[in-house]
N, C-alpha and C. Protein backbone atom coordinates (compact mmCIF):
# COMPACT_ATOMS: atom_id res chain seq x y z
N MET A 1 0.88 -1.18 -0.01
CA MET A 1 -0.03 0.05 0.02
C MET A 1 0.88 1.21 -0.02
N SER A 2 0.71 2.07 -0.97
CA SER A 2 1.45 3.33 -0.87
C SER A 2 0.56 4.39 -0.26
N GLY A 3 1.19 5.51 0.25
CA GLY A 3 0.51 6.55 0.89
C GLY A 3 0.00 7.62 0.00
N THR A 4 -1.13 7.95 0.08
CA THR A 4 -1.67 9.13 -0.67
C THR A 4 -1.29 10.38 0.19
N PRO A 5 -1.33 11.50 -0.46
CA PRO A 5 -1.00 12.74 0.31
C PRO A 5 -1.90 12.84 1.60
N PHE A 6 -3.14 12.50 1.58
CA PHE A 6 -4.13 12.64 2.64
C PHE A 6 -3.65 11.66 3.69
N GLN A 7 -3.26 10.40 3.33
CA GLN A 7 -2.78 9.37 4.35
C GLN A 7 -1.50 9.85 5.06
N LEU A 8 -0.64 10.47 4.24
CA LEU A 8 0.61 11.02 4.74
C LEU A 8 0.29 12.09 5.84
N ARG A 9 -0.50 12.97 5.52
CA ARG A 9 -0.82 14.20 6.39
C ARG A 9 -1.47 13.63 7.67
N SER A 10 -2.48 12.77 7.52
CA SER A 10 -3.21 12.12 8.58
C SER A 10 -2.27 11.37 9.46
N THR A 11 -1.29 10.55 8.90
CA THR A 11 -0.39 9.83 9.70
C THR A 11 0.56 10.71 10.44
N SER A 12 1.04 11.78 9.76
CA SER A 12 1.96 12.70 10.36
C SER A 12 1.30 13.33 11.66
N ARG A 13 0.04 13.78 11.48
CA ARG A 13 -0.62 14.45 12.63
C ARG A 13 -0.85 13.33 13.75
N ALA A 14 -1.23 12.20 13.37
CA ALA A 14 -1.39 11.22 14.48
C ALA A 14 -0.02 10.79 15.14
N VAL A 15 0.97 10.68 14.42
CA VAL A 15 2.30 10.37 15.05
C VAL A 15 2.75 11.47 15.93
N LEU A 16 2.50 12.72 15.46
CA LEU A 16 2.94 13.81 16.30
C LEU A 16 2.10 14.00 17.59
N ALA A 17 0.79 13.71 17.54
CA ALA A 17 -0.15 13.69 18.47
C ALA A 17 0.23 12.74 19.66
N LYS A 18 0.56 11.51 19.16
CA LYS A 18 0.91 10.36 20.08
C LYS A 18 2.07 10.83 20.96
N PHE A 19 3.11 11.43 20.34
CA PHE A 19 4.38 11.76 21.13
C PHE A 19 4.10 13.07 21.94
N GLU A 20 3.19 13.93 21.57
CA GLU A 20 2.95 15.18 22.31
C GLU A 20 2.21 14.77 23.59
N THR A 21 1.30 13.73 23.57
CA THR A 21 0.45 13.42 24.71
C THR A 21 0.95 12.25 25.50
N HIS A 22 1.90 11.44 25.08
CA HIS A 22 2.30 10.38 26.03
C HIS A 22 3.89 10.58 26.24
N ALA A 23 4.05 11.08 27.53
CA ALA A 23 5.44 11.39 27.82
C ALA A 23 6.38 10.21 27.76
N ASP A 24 5.98 9.00 28.07
CA ASP A 24 6.84 7.82 28.11
C ASP A 24 7.31 7.65 26.60
N ALA A 25 6.44 7.64 25.74
CA ALA A 25 6.67 7.41 24.24
C ALA A 25 7.57 8.50 23.87
N ARG A 26 7.37 9.76 24.32
CA ARG A 26 8.11 10.90 23.84
C ARG A 26 9.56 10.68 24.35
N GLU A 27 9.77 10.25 25.57
CA GLU A 27 11.11 10.18 26.18
C GLU A 27 11.80 9.05 25.41
N GLU A 28 11.10 7.96 25.07
CA GLU A 28 11.73 6.86 24.34
C GLU A 28 12.14 7.26 22.93
N LEU A 29 11.41 8.00 22.28
CA LEU A 29 11.74 8.56 20.98
C LEU A 29 12.99 9.50 21.03
N LEU A 30 12.99 10.40 21.94
CA LEU A 30 14.06 11.36 22.22
C LEU A 30 15.27 10.63 22.59
N SER A 31 15.20 9.42 23.23
CA SER A 31 16.38 8.76 23.73
C SER A 31 17.19 8.07 22.51
N THR A 32 16.52 8.16 21.35
CA THR A 32 17.26 7.66 20.19
C THR A 32 18.24 8.68 19.63
N HIS A 33 18.34 9.88 20.20
CA HIS A 33 19.24 10.86 19.78
C HIS A 33 19.21 11.06 18.29
N ASP A 34 20.29 10.89 17.60
CA ASP A 34 20.28 11.09 16.12
C ASP A 34 20.33 9.81 15.32
N GLU A 35 19.97 8.73 15.92
CA GLU A 35 19.99 7.37 15.30
C GLU A 35 18.94 7.41 14.19
N GLN A 36 19.28 6.74 13.07
CA GLN A 36 18.34 6.48 11.94
C GLN A 36 17.42 5.44 12.44
N LEU A 37 16.15 5.87 12.19
CA LEU A 37 15.00 4.98 12.64
C LEU A 37 14.37 4.25 11.48
N ILE A 38 14.30 2.81 11.60
CA ILE A 38 13.87 2.20 10.46
C ILE A 38 12.78 1.23 10.94
N GLU A 39 11.59 1.39 10.21
CA GLU A 39 10.40 0.44 10.44
C GLU A 39 10.71 -0.76 9.73
N LYS A 40 11.19 -1.84 10.45
CA LYS A 40 11.50 -3.02 9.93
C LYS A 40 10.28 -4.00 9.72
N THR A 41 9.88 -4.07 8.47
CA THR A 41 8.75 -4.97 8.14
C THR A 41 9.19 -5.70 6.93
N THR A 42 8.50 -6.87 6.70
CA THR A 42 8.91 -7.70 5.58
C THR A 42 7.80 -7.53 4.42
N ASP A 43 6.68 -6.97 4.81
CA ASP A 43 5.72 -6.88 3.82
C ASP A 43 5.11 -5.49 3.53
N GLU A 44 5.87 -4.43 4.02
CA GLU A 44 5.36 -3.10 3.78
C GLU A 44 6.46 -2.28 3.19
N HIS A 45 6.33 -1.81 1.98
CA HIS A 45 7.44 -1.20 1.24
C HIS A 45 7.27 0.38 1.24
N TYR A 46 6.11 0.82 1.68
CA TYR A 46 6.00 2.32 1.70
C TYR A 46 6.29 2.75 3.14
N TRP A 47 5.54 2.27 4.22
CA TRP A 47 5.88 2.63 5.56
C TRP A 47 7.06 2.04 6.09
N GLY A 48 7.36 0.92 5.77
CA GLY A 48 8.57 0.19 6.27
C GLY A 48 9.68 0.07 5.22
N CYS A 49 10.65 -0.82 5.67
CA CYS A 49 11.87 -1.10 4.86
C CYS A 49 11.69 -2.22 3.82
N GLY A 50 10.62 -3.01 4.03
CA GLY A 50 10.33 -4.20 3.07
C GLY A 50 11.41 -5.29 3.46
N SER A 51 11.10 -6.45 2.86
CA SER A 51 11.82 -7.60 3.03
C SER A 51 13.33 -7.63 2.42
N ALA A 52 13.51 -6.85 1.43
CA ALA A 52 14.86 -6.60 0.82
C ALA A 52 15.51 -5.37 1.32
N GLY A 53 14.89 -4.62 2.26
CA GLY A 53 15.46 -3.41 2.72
C GLY A 53 15.38 -2.27 1.71
N THR A 54 14.58 -2.37 0.74
CA THR A 54 14.48 -1.38 -0.34
C THR A 54 13.23 -0.44 -0.26
N GLY A 55 12.50 -0.69 0.79
CA GLY A 55 11.33 0.05 1.00
C GLY A 55 11.51 1.61 1.34
N LYS A 56 10.46 2.39 1.26
CA LYS A 56 10.67 3.81 1.57
C LYS A 56 10.88 4.21 3.07
N ASN A 57 10.44 3.40 3.87
CA ASN A 57 10.73 3.58 5.43
C ASN A 57 10.07 4.93 5.76
N ARG A 58 8.90 5.15 5.22
CA ARG A 58 8.25 6.48 5.47
C ARG A 58 7.94 6.62 6.97
N LEU A 59 7.54 5.59 7.73
CA LEU A 59 7.20 5.77 9.07
C LEU A 59 8.49 6.04 9.85
N GLY A 60 9.59 5.49 9.54
CA GLY A 60 10.87 5.79 10.24
C GLY A 60 11.14 7.24 9.95
N GLN A 61 10.93 7.74 8.71
CA GLN A 61 11.23 9.11 8.50
C GLN A 61 10.39 10.10 9.15
N LEU A 62 9.05 9.65 9.38
CA LEU A 62 8.15 10.49 10.12
C LEU A 62 8.56 10.59 11.48
N LEU A 63 8.97 9.41 12.09
CA LEU A 63 9.47 9.44 13.54
C LEU A 63 10.64 10.35 13.66
N MET A 64 11.51 10.28 12.76
CA MET A 64 12.79 11.20 12.93
C MET A 64 12.34 12.66 12.68
N GLU A 65 11.33 12.97 11.90
CA GLU A 65 10.92 14.32 11.74
C GLU A 65 10.27 14.77 13.05
N VAL A 66 9.34 13.98 13.63
CA VAL A 66 8.73 14.26 14.93
C VAL A 66 9.70 14.45 15.98
N ARG A 67 10.74 13.51 15.99
CA ARG A 67 11.86 13.69 17.03
C ARG A 67 12.49 15.10 16.97
N SER A 68 12.80 15.55 15.70
CA SER A 68 13.40 16.91 15.58
C SER A 68 12.36 18.01 15.98
N LEU A 69 11.10 17.82 15.63
CA LEU A 69 10.10 18.95 16.21
C LEU A 69 10.02 18.90 17.65
N LEU A 70 10.03 17.76 18.38
CA LEU A 70 9.89 17.70 19.76
C LEU A 70 11.22 18.37 20.42
N ARG A 71 12.37 18.15 19.79
CA ARG A 71 13.62 18.83 20.29
C ARG A 71 13.48 20.38 20.22
N GLU A 72 13.08 20.76 19.01
CA GLU A 72 12.90 22.17 18.85
C GLU A 72 12.02 22.85 19.85
N CYS A 73 10.86 22.16 20.12
CA CYS A 73 9.87 22.73 21.05
C CYS A 73 10.36 22.63 22.48
N ALA A 74 11.30 21.78 22.78
CA ALA A 74 11.80 21.67 24.09
C ALA A 74 12.90 22.76 24.43
N GLN A 75 13.47 23.28 23.35
CA GLN A 75 14.50 24.36 23.44
C GLN A 75 13.84 25.74 23.91
N PRO A 76 14.54 26.58 24.71
CA PRO A 76 13.96 27.82 25.05
C PRO A 76 13.71 28.66 23.73
N GLY A 77 12.53 29.16 23.65
CA GLY A 77 12.04 30.10 22.62
C GLY A 77 11.43 29.11 21.55
N GLY A 78 11.37 27.73 21.75
CA GLY A 78 10.92 26.82 20.69
C GLY A 78 9.39 26.68 20.74
């Protein structure tokens, strides 16, 4: 399943909301520092890496984007 622009926006909002409202999940995400995050799946080539590692890993990318946003908001003036 590939993501449509609507699905991508909806998923982005949902992922951000999850980490804004759940402190334990937010701390877990922030504890990954600058590590590359990979959604390791064997059957999902859009949201995950797919069985051959050639997927788009869009969920991993979204998590890294949310992590950056959370860091920016945590800084003074953010």
